[in-house]
Amino acid sequence: MEITYTKQGDYLLPDLTLKETKKGIINKYGRMRLAYLKEYKKALYTSLLMKEELTNHLISVSKSSEDLLNTLMESYKKSDERLFEKNKKRNHIEWAKLMNNYKITAEEIILKEYIFI
């Protein structure tokens, strides 16, 4: 790898550029993964940071975890008849409790699969 320099007045400054990174949103799962890497996987965090792959990794974790959450929630809705729309209108508090319970279950799966590995 050869570094080129540009003369600015009396100084030679290196021409440094960053690699292209993915464009995307880092959601709460990506931020949780970042915090976990910083706290418990410092070597992996430093390696990803030095290779300029940290952002790509976090965006990938964000997208994968969001996709898994959506898939799990859809499967829960289809498998439990208490989550059908007619039951939502009849007893909305019970429906909300069930949805929250299923969402917490799905998030626990995501934490084990994508965040704390």
PDB file of N, CA and C in Angstrom:
ATOM      1  N   MET A   1       0.848  -1.172   0.000  1.00  0.00           N
ATOM      2  CA  MET A   1       0.000   0.000   0.000  1.00  0.00           C
ATOM      3  C   MET A   1       0.892   1.233   0.000  1.00  0.00           C
ATOM      4  N   GLU A   2       0.672   2.085  -0.930  1.00  0.00           N
ATOM      5  CA  GLU A   2       1.483   3.286  -1.067  1.00  0.00           C
ATOM      6  C   GLU A   2       0.642   4.495  -0.698  1.00  0.00           C
ATOM      7  N   ILE A   3       1.217   5.344   0.115  1.00  0.00           N
ATOM      8  CA  ILE A   3       0.523   6.561   0.539  1.00  0.00           C
ATOM      9  C   ILE A   3       1.046   7.719  -0.303  1.00  0.00           C
ATOM     10  N   THR A   4       0.111   8.482  -0.842  1.00  0.00           N
ATOM     11  CA  THR A   4       0.504   9.665  -1.615  1.00  0.00           C
ATOM     12  C   THR A   4       0.337  10.904  -0.734  1.00  0.00           C
ATOM     13  N   TYR A   5       1.073  11.926  -1.082  1.00  0.00           N
ATOM     14  CA  TYR A   5       1.073  13.152  -0.286  1.00  0.00           C
ATOM     15  C   TYR A   5       0.757  14.351  -1.171  1.00  0.00           C
ATOM     16  N   THR A   6       0.172  15.352  -0.554  1.00  0.00           N
ATOM     17  CA  THR A   6      -0.112  16.612  -1.222  1.00  0.00           C
ATOM     18  C   THR A   6       0.614  17.711  -0.464  1.00  0.00           C
ATOM     19  N   LYS A   7       1.263  18.592  -1.203  1.00  0.00           N
ATOM     20  CA  LYS A   7       2.005  19.673  -0.557  1.00  0.00           C
ATOM     21  C   LYS A   7       1.067  20.834  -0.257  1.00  0.00           C
ATOM     22  N   GLN A   8       1.012  21.214   1.008  1.00  0.00           N
ATOM     23  CA  GLN A   8       0.221  22.350   1.466  1.00  0.00           C
ATOM     24  C   GLN A   8       1.178  23.332   2.123  1.00  0.00           C
ATOM     25  N   GLY A   9       1.570  24.343   1.393  1.00  0.00           N
ATOM     26  CA  GLY A   9       2.545  25.289   1.922  1.00  0.00           C
ATOM     27  C   GLY A   9       3.895  24.592   2.065  1.00  0.00           C
ATOM     28  N   ASP A  10       4.420  24.546   3.284  1.00  0.00           N
ATOM     29  CA  ASP A  10       5.697  23.887   3.540  1.00  0.00           C
ATOM     30  C   ASP A  10       5.530  22.440   3.993  1.00  0.00           C
ATOM     31  N   TYR A  11       4.311  21.955   4.060  1.00  0.00           N
ATOM     32  CA  TYR A  11       4.053  20.630   4.626  1.00  0.00           C
ATOM     33  C   TYR A  11       3.561  19.653   3.574  1.00  0.00           C
ATOM     34  N   LEU A  12       3.928  18.389   3.740  1.00  0.00           N
ATOM     35  CA  LEU A  12       3.387  17.303   2.939  1.00  0.00           C
ATOM     36  C   LEU A  12       2.338  16.589   3.784  1.00  0.00           C
ATOM     37  N   LEU A  13       1.094  16.624   3.339  1.00  0.00           N
ATOM     38  CA  LEU A  13       0.003  15.987   4.060  1.00  0.00           C
ATOM     39  C   LEU A  13      -0.419  14.713   3.326  1.00  0.00           C
ATOM     40  N   PRO A  14      -0.648  13.615   4.066  1.00  0.00           N
ATOM     41  CA  PRO A  14      -1.052  12.369   3.401  1.00  0.00           C
ATOM     42  C   PRO A  14      -2.472  12.480   2.851  1.00  0.00           C
ATOM     43  N   ASP A  15      -2.690  11.855   1.701  1.00  0.00           N
ATOM     44  CA  ASP A  15      -4.017  11.801   1.091  1.00  0.00           C
ATOM     45  C   ASP A  15      -4.730  10.574   1.662  1.00  0.00           C
ATOM     46  N   LEU A  16      -5.493  10.785   2.713  1.00  0.00           N
ATOM     47  CA  LEU A  16      -6.190   9.698   3.383  1.00  0.00           C
ATOM     48  C   LEU A  16      -7.670   9.754   3.049  1.00  0.00           C
ATOM     49  N   THR A  17      -8.230   8.607   2.709  1.00  0.00           N
ATOM     50  CA  THR A  17      -9.662   8.514   2.427  1.00  0.00           C
ATOM     51  C   THR A  17     -10.225   7.287   3.131  1.00  0.00           C
ATOM     52  N   LEU A  18     -11.497   7.337   3.410  1.00  0.00           N
ATOM     53  CA  LEU A  18     -12.186   6.210   4.016  1.00  0.00           C
ATOM     54  C   LEU A  18     -12.788   5.327   2.936  1.00  0.00           C
ATOM     55  N   LYS A  19     -12.893   4.028   3.246  1.00  0.00           N
ATOM     56  CA  LYS A  19     -13.540   3.103   2.323  1.00  0.00           C
ATOM     57  C   LYS A  19     -15.030   3.405   2.277  1.00  0.00           C
ATOM     58  N   GLU A  20     -15.657   2.950   1.201  1.00  0.00           N
ATOM     59  CA  GLU A  20     -17.108   3.096   1.081  1.00  0.00           C
ATOM     60  C   GLU A  20     -17.792   2.197   2.109  1.00  0.00           C
ATOM     61  N   THR A  21     -18.804   2.714   2.755  1.00  0.00           N
ATOM     62  CA  THR A  21     -19.566   1.929   3.714  1.00  0.00           C
ATOM     63  C   THR A  21     -21.007   1.813   3.234  1.00  0.00           C
ATOM     64  N   LYS A  22     -21.694   0.831   3.776  1.00  0.00           N
ATOM     65  CA  LYS A  22     -23.110   0.660   3.453  1.00  0.00           C
ATOM     66  C   LYS A  22     -23.893   1.872   3.932  1.00  0.00           C
ATOM     67  N   LYS A  23     -24.941   2.143   3.238  1.00  0.00           N
ATOM     68  CA  LYS A  23     -25.864   3.190   3.671  1.00  0.00           C
ATOM     69  C   LYS A  23     -27.041   2.498   4.341  1.00  0.00           C
ATOM     70  N   GLY A  24     -27.357   2.931   5.513  1.00  0.00           N
ATOM     71  CA  GLY A  24     -28.470   2.328   6.216  1.00  0.00           C
ATOM     72  C   GLY A  24     -28.600   2.911   7.607  1.00  0.00           C
ATOM     73  N   ILE A  25     -29.585   2.422   8.289  1.00  0.00           N
ATOM     74  CA  ILE A  25     -29.882   2.911   9.632  1.00  0.00           C
ATOM     75  C   ILE A  25     -29.399   1.893  10.648  1.00  0.00           C
ATOM     76  N   ILE A  26     -28.782   2.392  11.691  1.00  0.00           N
ATOM     77  CA  ILE A  26     -28.392   1.536  12.796  1.00  0.00           C
ATOM     78  C   ILE A  26     -29.475   1.691  13.859  1.00  0.00           C
ATOM     79  N   ASN A  27     -30.285   0.648  14.014  1.00  0.00           N
ATOM     80  CA  ASN A  27     -31.412   0.715  14.954  1.00  0.00           C
ATOM     81  C   ASN A  27     -30.953   0.322  16.358  1.00  0.00           C
ATOM     82  N   LYS A  28     -31.901   0.088  17.237  1.00  0.00           N
ATOM     83  CA  LYS A  28     -31.555  -0.197  18.629  1.00  0.00           C
ATOM     84  C   LYS A  28     -30.747  -1.478  18.762  1.00  0.00           C
ATOM     85  N   TYR A  29     -30.972  -2.456  17.884  1.00  0.00           N
ATOM     86  CA  TYR A  29     -30.209  -3.697  17.950  1.00  0.00           C
ATOM     87  C   TYR A  29     -28.758  -3.469  17.532  1.00  0.00           C
ATOM     88  N   GLY A  30     -28.546  -2.618  16.546  1.00  0.00           N
ATOM     89  CA  GLY A  30     -27.183  -2.268  16.146  1.00  0.00           C
ATOM     90  C   GLY A  30     -26.452  -1.518  17.250  1.00  0.00           C
ATOM     91  N   ARG A  31     -27.163  -0.615  17.917  1.00  0.00           N
ATOM     92  CA  ARG A  31     -26.542   0.124  19.024  1.00  0.00           C
ATOM     93  C   ARG A  31     -26.257  -0.798  20.210  1.00  0.00           C
ATOM     94  N   MET A  32     -27.138  -1.776  20.446  1.00  0.00           N
ATOM     95  CA  MET A  32     -26.884  -2.745  21.511  1.00  0.00           C
ATOM     96  C   MET A  32     -25.662  -3.596  21.178  1.00  0.00           C
ATOM     97  N   ARG A  33     -25.535  -3.982  19.904  1.00  0.00           N
ATOM     98  CA  ARG A  33     -24.373  -4.765  19.472  1.00  0.00           C
ATOM     99  C   ARG A  33     -23.092  -3.940  19.647  1.00  0.00           C
ATOM    100  N   LEU A  34     -23.138  -2.670  19.305  1.00  0.00           N
ATOM    101  CA  LEU A  34     -21.980  -1.794  19.471  1.00  0.00           C
ATOM    102  C   LEU A  34     -21.566  -1.713  20.936  1.00  0.00           C
ATOM    103  N   ALA A  35     -22.529  -1.509  21.812  1.00  0.00           N
ATOM    104  CA  ALA A  35     -22.221  -1.433  23.245  1.00  0.00           C
ATOM    105  C   ALA A  35     -21.639  -2.747  23.750  1.00  0.00           C
ATOM    106  N   TYR A  36     -22.184  -3.864  23.272  1.00  0.00           N
ATOM    107  CA  TYR A  36     -21.674  -5.171  23.681  1.00  0.00           C
ATOM    108  C   TYR A  36     -20.244  -5.370  23.195  1.00  0.00           C
ATOM    109  N   LEU A  37     -19.975  -5.005  21.950  1.00  0.00           N
ATOM    110  CA  LEU A  37     -18.613  -5.144  21.415  1.00  0.00           C
ATOM    111  C   LEU A  37     -17.625  -4.288  22.196  1.00  0.00           C
ATOM    112  N   LYS A  38     -18.010  -3.061  22.492  1.00  0.00           N
ATOM    113  CA  LYS A  38     -17.116  -2.170  23.236  1.00  0.00           C
ATOM    114  C   LYS A  38     -16.822  -2.698  24.633  1.00  0.00           C
ATOM    115  N   GLU A  39     -17.823  -3.266  25.266  1.00  0.00           N
ATOM    116  CA  GLU A  39     -17.687  -3.698  26.654  1.00  0.00           C
ATOM    117  C   GLU A  39     -17.041  -5.072  26.802  1.00  0.00           C
ATOM    118  N   TYR A  40     -17.458  -6.042  25.977  1.00  0.00           N
ATOM    119  CA  TYR A  40     -17.057  -7.421  26.206  1.00  0.00           C
ATOM    120  C   TYR A  40     -16.187  -8.033  25.117  1.00  0.00           C
ATOM    121  N   LYS A  41     -16.188  -7.479  23.921  1.00  0.00           N
ATOM    122  CA  LYS A  41     -15.410  -8.023  22.804  1.00  0.00           C
ATOM    123  C   LYS A  41     -14.499  -6.937  22.233  1.00  0.00           C
ATOM    124  N   LYS A  42     -13.611  -6.442  23.068  1.00  0.00           N
ATOM    125  CA  LYS A  42     -12.785  -5.300  22.674  1.00  0.00           C
ATOM    126  C   LYS A  42     -11.886  -5.603  21.483  1.00  0.00           C
ATOM    127  N   ALA A  43     -11.368  -6.836  21.401  1.00  0.00           N
ATOM    128  CA  ALA A  43     -10.492  -7.193  20.283  1.00  0.00           C
ATOM    129  C   ALA A  43     -11.267  -7.174  18.959  1.00  0.00           C
ATOM    130  N   LEU A  44     -12.462  -7.751  18.958  1.00  0.00           N
ATOM    131  CA  LEU A  44     -13.285  -7.739  17.746  1.00  0.00           C
ATOM    132  C   LEU A  44     -13.697  -6.319  17.388  1.00  0.00           C
ATOM    133  N   TYR A  45     -14.079  -5.533  18.386  1.00  0.00           N
ATOM    134  CA  TYR A  45     -14.447  -4.136  18.154  1.00  0.00           C
ATOM    135  C   TYR A  45     -13.292  -3.375  17.511  1.00  0.00           C
ATOM    136  N   THR A  46     -12.101  -3.517  18.075  1.00  0.00           N
ATOM    137  CA  THR A  46     -10.925  -2.812  17.548  1.00  0.00           C
ATOM    138  C   THR A  46     -10.599  -3.280  16.136  1.00  0.00           C
ATOM    139  N   SER A  47     -10.700  -4.592  15.907  1.00  0.00           N
ATOM    140  CA  SER A  47     -10.419  -5.138  14.578  1.00  0.00           C
ATOM    141  C   SER A  47     -11.393  -4.587  13.541  1.00  0.00           C
ATOM    142  N   LEU A  48     -12.681  -4.601  13.862  1.00  0.00           N
ATOM    143  CA  LEU A  48     -13.679  -4.060  12.924  1.00  0.00           C
ATOM    144  C   LEU A  48     -13.473  -2.568  12.693  1.00  0.00           C
ATOM    145  N   LEU A  49     -13.111  -1.865  13.726  1.00  0.00           N
ATOM    146  CA  LEU A  49     -12.882  -0.432  13.618  1.00  0.00           C
ATOM    147  C   LEU A  49     -11.670  -0.130  12.742  1.00  0.00           C
ATOM    148  N   MET A  50     -10.601  -0.886  12.944  1.00  0.00           N
ATOM    149  CA  MET A  50      -9.371  -0.644  12.176  1.00  0.00           C
ATOM    150  C   MET A  50      -9.535  -1.015  10.697  1.00  0.00           C
ATOM    151  N   LYS A  51     -10.336  -2.035  10.421  1.00  0.00           N
ATOM    152  CA  LYS A  51     -10.583  -2.457   9.041  1.00  0.00           C
ATOM    153  C   LYS A  51     -11.677  -1.628   8.372  1.00  0.00           C
ATOM    154  N   GLU A  52     -12.241  -0.684   9.110  1.00  0.00           N
ATOM    155  CA  GLU A  52     -13.335   0.163   8.632  1.00  0.00           C
ATOM    156  C   GLU A  52     -14.559  -0.660   8.251  1.00  0.00           C
ATOM    157  N   GLU A  53     -14.832  -1.718   9.008  1.00  0.00           N
ATOM    158  CA  GLU A  53     -15.977  -2.578   8.755  1.00  0.00           C
ATOM    159  C   GLU A  53     -17.013  -2.500   9.868  1.00  0.00           C
ATOM    160  N   LEU A  54     -16.778  -1.672  10.861  1.00  0.00           N
ATOM    161  CA  LEU A  54     -17.688  -1.597  12.003  1.00  0.00           C
ATOM    162  C   LEU A  54     -19.070  -1.117  11.592  1.00  0.00           C
ATOM    163  N   THR A  55     -19.145  -0.075  10.808  1.00  0.00           N
ATOM    164  CA  THR A  55     -20.441   0.457  10.368  1.00  0.00           C
ATOM    165  C   THR A  55     -21.202  -0.583   9.550  1.00  0.00           C
ATOM    166  N   ASN A  56     -20.497  -1.250   8.632  1.00  0.00           N
ATOM    167  CA  ASN A  56     -21.146  -2.287   7.828  1.00  0.00           C
ATOM    168  C   ASN A  56     -21.676  -3.413   8.714  1.00  0.00           C
ATOM    169  N   HIS A  57     -20.897  -3.787   9.708  1.00  0.00           N
ATOM    170  CA  HIS A  57     -21.311  -4.847  10.637  1.00  0.00           C
ATOM    171  C   HIS A  57     -22.567  -4.431  11.410  1.00  0.00           C
ATOM    172  N   LEU A  58     -22.584  -3.214  11.910  1.00  0.00           N
ATOM    173  CA  LEU A  58     -23.727  -2.741  12.694  1.00  0.00           C
ATOM    174  C   LEU A  58     -24.984  -2.610  11.841  1.00  0.00           C
ATOM    175  N   ILE A  59     -24.843  -2.154  10.615  1.00  0.00           N
ATOM    176  CA  ILE A  59     -25.992  -2.057   9.712  1.00  0.00           C
ATOM    177  C   ILE A  59     -26.507  -3.449   9.377  1.00  0.00           C
ATOM    178  N   SER A  60     -25.600  -4.392   9.176  1.00  0.00           N
ATOM    179  CA  SER A  60     -25.991  -5.767   8.888  1.00  0.00           C
ATOM    180  C   SER A  60     -26.748  -6.386  10.067  1.00  0.00           C
ATOM    181  N   VAL A  61     -26.242  -6.184  11.280  1.00  0.00           N
ATOM    182  CA  VAL A  61     -26.922  -6.688  12.478  1.00  0.00           C
ATOM    183  C   VAL A  61     -28.292  -6.031  12.614  1.00  0.00           C
ATOM    184  N   SER A  62     -28.378  -4.737  12.366  1.00  0.00           N
ATOM    185  CA  SER A  62     -29.649  -4.021  12.463  1.00  0.00           C
ATOM    186  C   SER A  62     -30.681  -4.594  11.497  1.00  0.00           C
ATOM    187  N   LYS A  63     -30.271  -4.771  10.251  1.00  0.00           N
ATOM    188  CA  LYS A  63     -31.198  -5.270   9.232  1.00  0.00           C
ATOM    189  C   LYS A  63     -31.615  -6.706   9.521  1.00  0.00           C
ATOM    190  N   SER A  64     -30.657  -7.559   9.866  1.00  0.00           N
ATOM    191  CA  SER A  64     -30.971  -8.964  10.134  1.00  0.00           C
ATOM    192  C   SER A  64     -31.896  -9.115  11.337  1.00  0.00           C
ATOM    193  N   SER A  65     -31.607  -8.370  12.378  1.00  0.00           N
ATOM    194  CA  SER A  65     -32.435  -8.481  13.582  1.00  0.00           C
ATOM    195  C   SER A  65     -33.841  -7.934  13.346  1.00  0.00           C
ATOM    196  N   GLU A  66     -33.956  -6.870  12.586  1.00  0.00           N
ATOM    197  CA  GLU A  66     -35.281  -6.313  12.276  1.00  0.00           C
ATOM    198  C   GLU A  66     -36.084  -7.286  11.414  1.00  0.00           C
ATOM    199  N   ASP A  67     -35.417  -7.917  10.449  1.00  0.00           N
ATOM    200  CA  ASP A  67     -36.090  -8.909   9.615  1.00  0.00           C
ATOM    201  C   ASP A  67     -36.570 -10.092  10.450  1.00  0.00           C
ATOM    202  N   LEU A  68     -35.716 -10.563  11.363  1.00  0.00           N
ATOM    203  CA  LEU A  68     -36.097 -11.678  12.221  1.00  0.00           C
ATOM    204  C   LEU A  68     -37.264 -11.299  13.127  1.00  0.00           C
ATOM    205  N   LEU A  69     -37.239 -10.084  13.672  1.00  0.00           N
ATOM    206  CA  LEU A  69     -38.337  -9.631  14.517  1.00  0.00           C
ATOM    207  C   LEU A  69     -39.655  -9.626  13.742  1.00  0.00           C
ATOM    208  N   ASN A  70     -39.641  -9.090  12.544  1.00  0.00           N
ATOM    209  CA  ASN A  70     -40.854  -9.051  11.721  1.00  0.00           C
ATOM    210  C   ASN A  70     -41.344 -10.452  11.389  1.00  0.00           C
ATOM    211  N   THR A  71     -40.425 -11.347  11.045  1.00  0.00           N
ATOM    212  CA  THR A  71     -40.790 -12.729  10.719  1.00  0.00           C
ATOM    213  C   THR A  71     -41.405 -13.431  11.922  1.00  0.00           C
ATOM    214  N   LEU A  72     -40.767 -13.287  13.078  1.00  0.00           N
ATOM    215  CA  LEU A  72     -41.291 -13.928  14.288  1.00  0.00           C
ATOM    216  C   LEU A  72     -42.658 -13.387  14.674  1.00  0.00           C
ATOM    217  N   MET A  73     -42.830 -12.086  14.607  1.00  0.00           N
ATOM    218  CA  MET A  73     -44.114 -11.488  14.976  1.00  0.00           C
ATOM    219  C   MET A  73     -45.227 -11.940  14.023  1.00  0.00           C
ATOM    220  N   GLU A  74     -44.918 -12.034  12.736  1.00  0.00           N
ATOM    221  CA  GLU A  74     -45.921 -12.512  11.780  1.00  0.00           C
ATOM    222  C   GLU A  74     -46.289 -13.964  12.065  1.00  0.00           C
ATOM    223  N   SER A  75     -45.300 -14.780  12.385  1.00  0.00           N
ATOM    224  CA  SER A  75     -45.606 -16.185  12.676  1.00  0.00           C
ATOM    225  C   SER A  75     -46.407 -16.313  13.971  1.00  0.00           C
ATOM    226  N   TYR A  76     -46.112 -15.471  14.952  1.00  0.00           N
ATOM    227  CA  TYR A  76     -46.896 -15.497  16.191  1.00  0.00           C
ATOM    228  C   TYR A  76     -48.346 -15.086  15.928  1.00  0.00           C
ATOM    229  N   LYS A  77     -48.527 -14.063  15.100  1.00  0.00           N
ATOM    230  CA  LYS A  77     -49.889 -13.600  14.785  1.00  0.00           C
ATOM    231  C   LYS A  77     -50.696 -14.688  14.075  1.00  0.00           C
ATOM    232  N   LYS A  78     -50.035 -15.425  13.182  1.00  0.00           N
ATOM    233  CA  LYS A  78     -50.739 -16.468  12.433  1.00  0.00           C
ATOM    234  C   LYS A  78     -51.034 -17.687  13.301  1.00  0.00           C
ATOM    235  N   SER A  79     -50.166 -17.974  14.257  1.00  0.00           N
ATOM    236  CA  SER A  79     -50.318 -19.203  15.031  1.00  0.00           C
ATOM    237  C   SER A  79     -51.266 -19.064  16.228  1.00  0.00           C
ATOM    238  N   ASP A  80     -51.475 -17.866  16.716  1.00  0.00           N
ATOM    239  CA  ASP A  80     -52.315 -17.673  17.894  1.00  0.00           C
ATOM    240  C   ASP A  80     -53.604 -16.960  17.491  1.00  0.00           C
ATOM    241  N   GLU A  81     -54.700 -17.672  17.606  1.00  0.00           N
ATOM    242  CA  GLU A  81     -55.980 -17.096  17.182  1.00  0.00           C
ATOM    243  C   GLU A  81     -56.433 -15.952  18.076  1.00  0.00           C
ATOM    244  N   ARG A  82     -55.865 -15.842  19.277  1.00  0.00           N
ATOM    245  CA  ARG A  82     -56.230 -14.730  20.159  1.00  0.00           C
ATOM    246  C   ARG A  82     -55.702 -13.391  19.634  1.00  0.00           C
ATOM    247  N   LEU A  83     -54.801 -13.431  18.645  1.00  0.00           N
ATOM    248  CA  LEU A  83     -54.230 -12.206  18.096  1.00  0.00           C
ATOM    249  C   LEU A  83     -54.934 -11.736  16.823  1.00  0.00           C
ATOM    250  N   PHE A  84     -56.019 -12.390  16.439  1.00  0.00           N
ATOM    251  CA  PHE A  84     -56.763 -11.962  15.258  1.00  0.00           C
ATOM    252  C   PHE A  84     -57.438 -10.624  15.525  1.00  0.00           C
ATOM    253  N   GLU A  85     -57.749  -9.919  14.453  1.00  0.00           N
ATOM    254  CA  GLU A  85     -58.330  -8.576  14.556  1.00  0.00           C
ATOM    255  C   GLU A  85     -59.661  -8.553  15.304  1.00  0.00           C
ATOM    256  N   LYS A  86     -60.478  -9.592  15.145  1.00  0.00           N
ATOM    257  CA  LYS A  86     -61.778  -9.597  15.835  1.00  0.00           C
ATOM    258  C   LYS A  86     -61.581  -9.625  17.348  1.00  0.00           C
ATOM    259  N   ASN A  87     -60.547 -10.315  17.808  1.00  0.00           N
ATOM    260  CA  ASN A  87     -60.261 -10.351  19.242  1.00  0.00           C
ATOM    261  C   ASN A  87     -59.667  -9.029  19.733  1.00  0.00           C
ATOM    262  N   LYS A  88     -58.999  -8.325  18.838  1.00  0.00           N
ATOM    263  CA  LYS A  88     -58.455  -7.009  19.190  1.00  0.00           C
ATOM    264  C   LYS A  88     -59.593  -6.045  19.507  1.00  0.00           C
ATOM    265  N   LYS A  89     -60.660  -6.140  18.759  1.00  0.00           N
ATOM    266  CA  LYS A  89     -61.807  -5.256  18.986  1.00  0.00           C
ATOM    267  C   LYS A  89     -62.596  -5.657  20.222  1.00  0.00           C
ATOM    268  N   ARG A  90     -62.646  -6.956  20.486  1.00  0.00           N
ATOM    269  CA  ARG A  90     -63.405  -7.449  21.634  1.00  0.00           C
ATOM    270  C   ARG A  90     -62.723  -7.133  22.951  1.00  0.00           C
ATOM    271  N   ASN A  91     -61.455  -7.459  23.045  1.00  0.00           N
ATOM    272  CA  ASN A  91     -60.731  -7.293  24.301  1.00  0.00           C
ATOM    273  C   ASN A  91     -59.334  -6.756  23.986  1.00  0.00           C
ATOM    274  N   HIS A  92     -59.261  -5.457  23.772  1.00  0.00           N
ATOM    275  CA  HIS A  92     -58.013  -4.856  23.317  1.00  0.00           C
ATOM    276  C   HIS A  92     -56.905  -4.911  24.371  1.00  0.00           C
ATOM    277  N   ILE A  93     -57.238  -4.921  25.636  1.00  0.00           N
ATOM    278  CA  ILE A  93     -56.207  -4.976  26.682  1.00  0.00           C
ATOM    279  C   ILE A  93     -55.531  -6.348  26.668  1.00  0.00           C
ATOM    280  N   GLU A  94     -56.334  -7.398  26.568  1.00  0.00           N
ATOM    281  CA  GLU A  94     -55.775  -8.761  26.501  1.00  0.00           C
ATOM    282  C   GLU A  94     -54.925  -8.926  25.244  1.00  0.00           C
ATOM    283  N   TRP A  95     -55.402  -8.377  24.120  1.00  0.00           N
ATOM    284  CA  TRP A  95     -54.670  -8.445  22.867  1.00  0.00           C
ATOM    285  C   TRP A  95     -53.320  -7.734  22.993  1.00  0.00           C
ATOM    286  N   ALA A  96     -53.311  -6.559  23.610  1.00  0.00           N
ATOM    287  CA  ALA A  96     -52.067  -5.802  23.782  1.00  0.00           C
ATOM    288  C   ALA A  96     -51.096  -6.546  24.693  1.00  0.00           C
ATOM    289  N   LYS A  97     -51.606  -7.180  25.744  1.00  0.00           N
ATOM    290  CA  LYS A  97     -50.737  -7.954  26.632  1.00  0.00           C
ATOM    291  C   LYS A  97     -50.086  -9.113  25.878  1.00  0.00           C
ATOM    292  N   LEU A  98     -50.864  -9.798  25.065  1.00  0.00           N
ATOM    293  CA  LEU A  98     -50.314 -10.901  24.280  1.00  0.00           C
ATOM    294  C   LEU A  98     -49.263 -10.419  23.282  1.00  0.00           C
ATOM    295  N   MET A  99     -49.556  -9.318  22.600  1.00  0.00           N
ATOM    296  CA  MET A  99     -48.601  -8.773  21.624  1.00  0.00           C
ATOM    297  C   MET A  99     -47.294  -8.370  22.305  1.00  0.00           C
ATOM    298  N   ASN A 100     -47.404  -7.725  23.449  1.00  0.00           N
ATOM    299  CA  ASN A 100     -46.196  -7.339  24.185  1.00  0.00           C
ATOM    300  C   ASN A 100     -45.407  -8.558  24.628  1.00  0.00           C
ATOM    301  N   ASN A 101     -46.105  -9.582  25.072  1.00  0.00           N
ATOM    302  CA  ASN A 101     -45.442 -10.805  25.500  1.00  0.00           C
ATOM    303  C   ASN A 101     -44.697 -11.455  24.330  1.00  0.00           C
ATOM    304  N   TYR A 102     -45.345 -11.533  23.173  1.00  0.00           N
ATOM    305  CA  TYR A 102     -44.701 -12.114  22.000  1.00  0.00           C
ATOM    306  C   TYR A 102     -43.526 -11.257  21.520  1.00  0.00           C
ATOM    307  N   LYS A 103     -43.658  -9.948  21.615  1.00  0.00           N
ATOM    308  CA  LYS A 103     -42.558  -9.085  21.191  1.00  0.00           C
ATOM    309  C   LYS A 103     -41.350  -9.252  22.109  1.00  0.00           C
ATOM    310  N   ILE A 104     -41.585  -9.357  23.392  1.00  0.00           N
ATOM    311  CA  ILE A 104     -40.487  -9.575  24.335  1.00  0.00           C
ATOM    312  C   ILE A 104     -39.809 -10.911  24.057  1.00  0.00           C
ATOM    313  N   THR A 105     -40.606 -11.931  23.767  1.00  0.00           N
ATOM    314  CA  THR A 105     -40.050 -13.243  23.436  1.00  0.00           C
ATOM    315  C   THR A 105     -39.194 -13.160  22.174  1.00  0.00           C
ATOM    316  N   ALA A 106     -39.682 -12.474  21.154  1.00  0.00           N
ATOM    317  CA  ALA A 106     -38.930 -12.324  19.907  1.00  0.00           C
ATOM    318  C   ALA A 106     -37.642 -11.538  20.142  1.00  0.00           C
ATOM    319  N   GLU A 107     -37.696 -10.506  20.971  1.00  0.00           N
ATOM    320  CA  GLU A 107     -36.496  -9.724  21.247  1.00  0.00           C
ATOM    321  C   GLU A 107     -35.462 -10.533  22.022  1.00  0.00           C
ATOM    322  N   GLU A 108     -35.901 -11.420  22.902  1.00  0.00           N
ATOM    323  CA  GLU A 108     -34.968 -12.304  23.601  1.00  0.00           C
ATOM    324  C   GLU A 108     -34.245 -13.210  22.616  1.00  0.00           C
ATOM    325  N   ILE A 109     -34.975 -13.716  21.636  1.00  0.00           N
ATOM    326  CA  ILE A 109     -34.357 -14.556  20.610  1.00  0.00           C
ATOM    327  C   ILE A 109     -33.332 -13.753  19.823  1.00  0.00           C
ATOM    328  N   ILE A 110     -33.673 -12.529  19.465  1.00  0.00           N
ATOM    329  CA  ILE A 110     -32.750 -11.670  18.712  1.00  0.00           C
ATOM    330  C   ILE A 110     -31.493 -11.387  19.523  1.00  0.00           C
ATOM    331  N   LEU A 111     -31.653 -11.116  20.807  1.00  0.00           N
ATOM    332  CA  LEU A 111     -30.489 -10.845  21.647  1.00  0.00           C
ATOM    333  C   LEU A 111     -29.536 -12.032  21.663  1.00  0.00           C
ATOM    334  N   LYS A 112     -30.082 -13.226  21.760  1.00  0.00           N
ATOM    335  CA  LYS A 112     -29.231 -14.411  21.792  1.00  0.00           C
ATOM    336  C   LYS A 112     -28.615 -14.716  20.429  1.00  0.00           C
ATOM    337  N   GLU A 113     -29.331 -14.420  19.355  1.00  0.00           N
ATOM    338  CA  GLU A 113     -28.857 -14.759  18.005  1.00  0.00           C
ATOM    339  C   GLU A 113     -27.871 -13.732  17.438  1.00  0.00           C
ATOM    340  N   TYR A 114     -28.127 -12.442  17.652  1.00  0.00           N
ATOM    341  CA  TYR A 114     -27.358 -11.410  16.950  1.00  0.00           C
ATOM    342  C   TYR A 114     -26.537 -10.495  17.844  1.00  0.00           C
ATOM    343  N   ILE A 115     -26.967 -10.264  19.042  1.00  0.00           N
ATOM    344  CA  ILE A 115     -26.310  -9.244  19.863  1.00  0.00           C
ATOM    345  C   ILE A 115     -25.213  -9.854  20.723  1.00  0.00           C
ATOM    346  N   PHE A 116     -25.528 -10.844  21.510  1.00  0.00           N
ATOM    347  CA  PHE A 116     -24.593 -11.384  22.481  1.00  0.00           C
ATOM    348  C   PHE A 116     -23.874 -12.618  21.962  1.00  0.00           C
ATOM    349  N   ILE A 117     -23.278 -12.528  20.787  1.00  0.00           N
ATOM    350  CA  ILE A 117     -22.501 -13.635  20.243  1.00  0.00           C
ATOM    351  C   ILE A 117     -21.044 -13.282  20.140  1.00  0.00           C
TER     352      ILE A 117
END
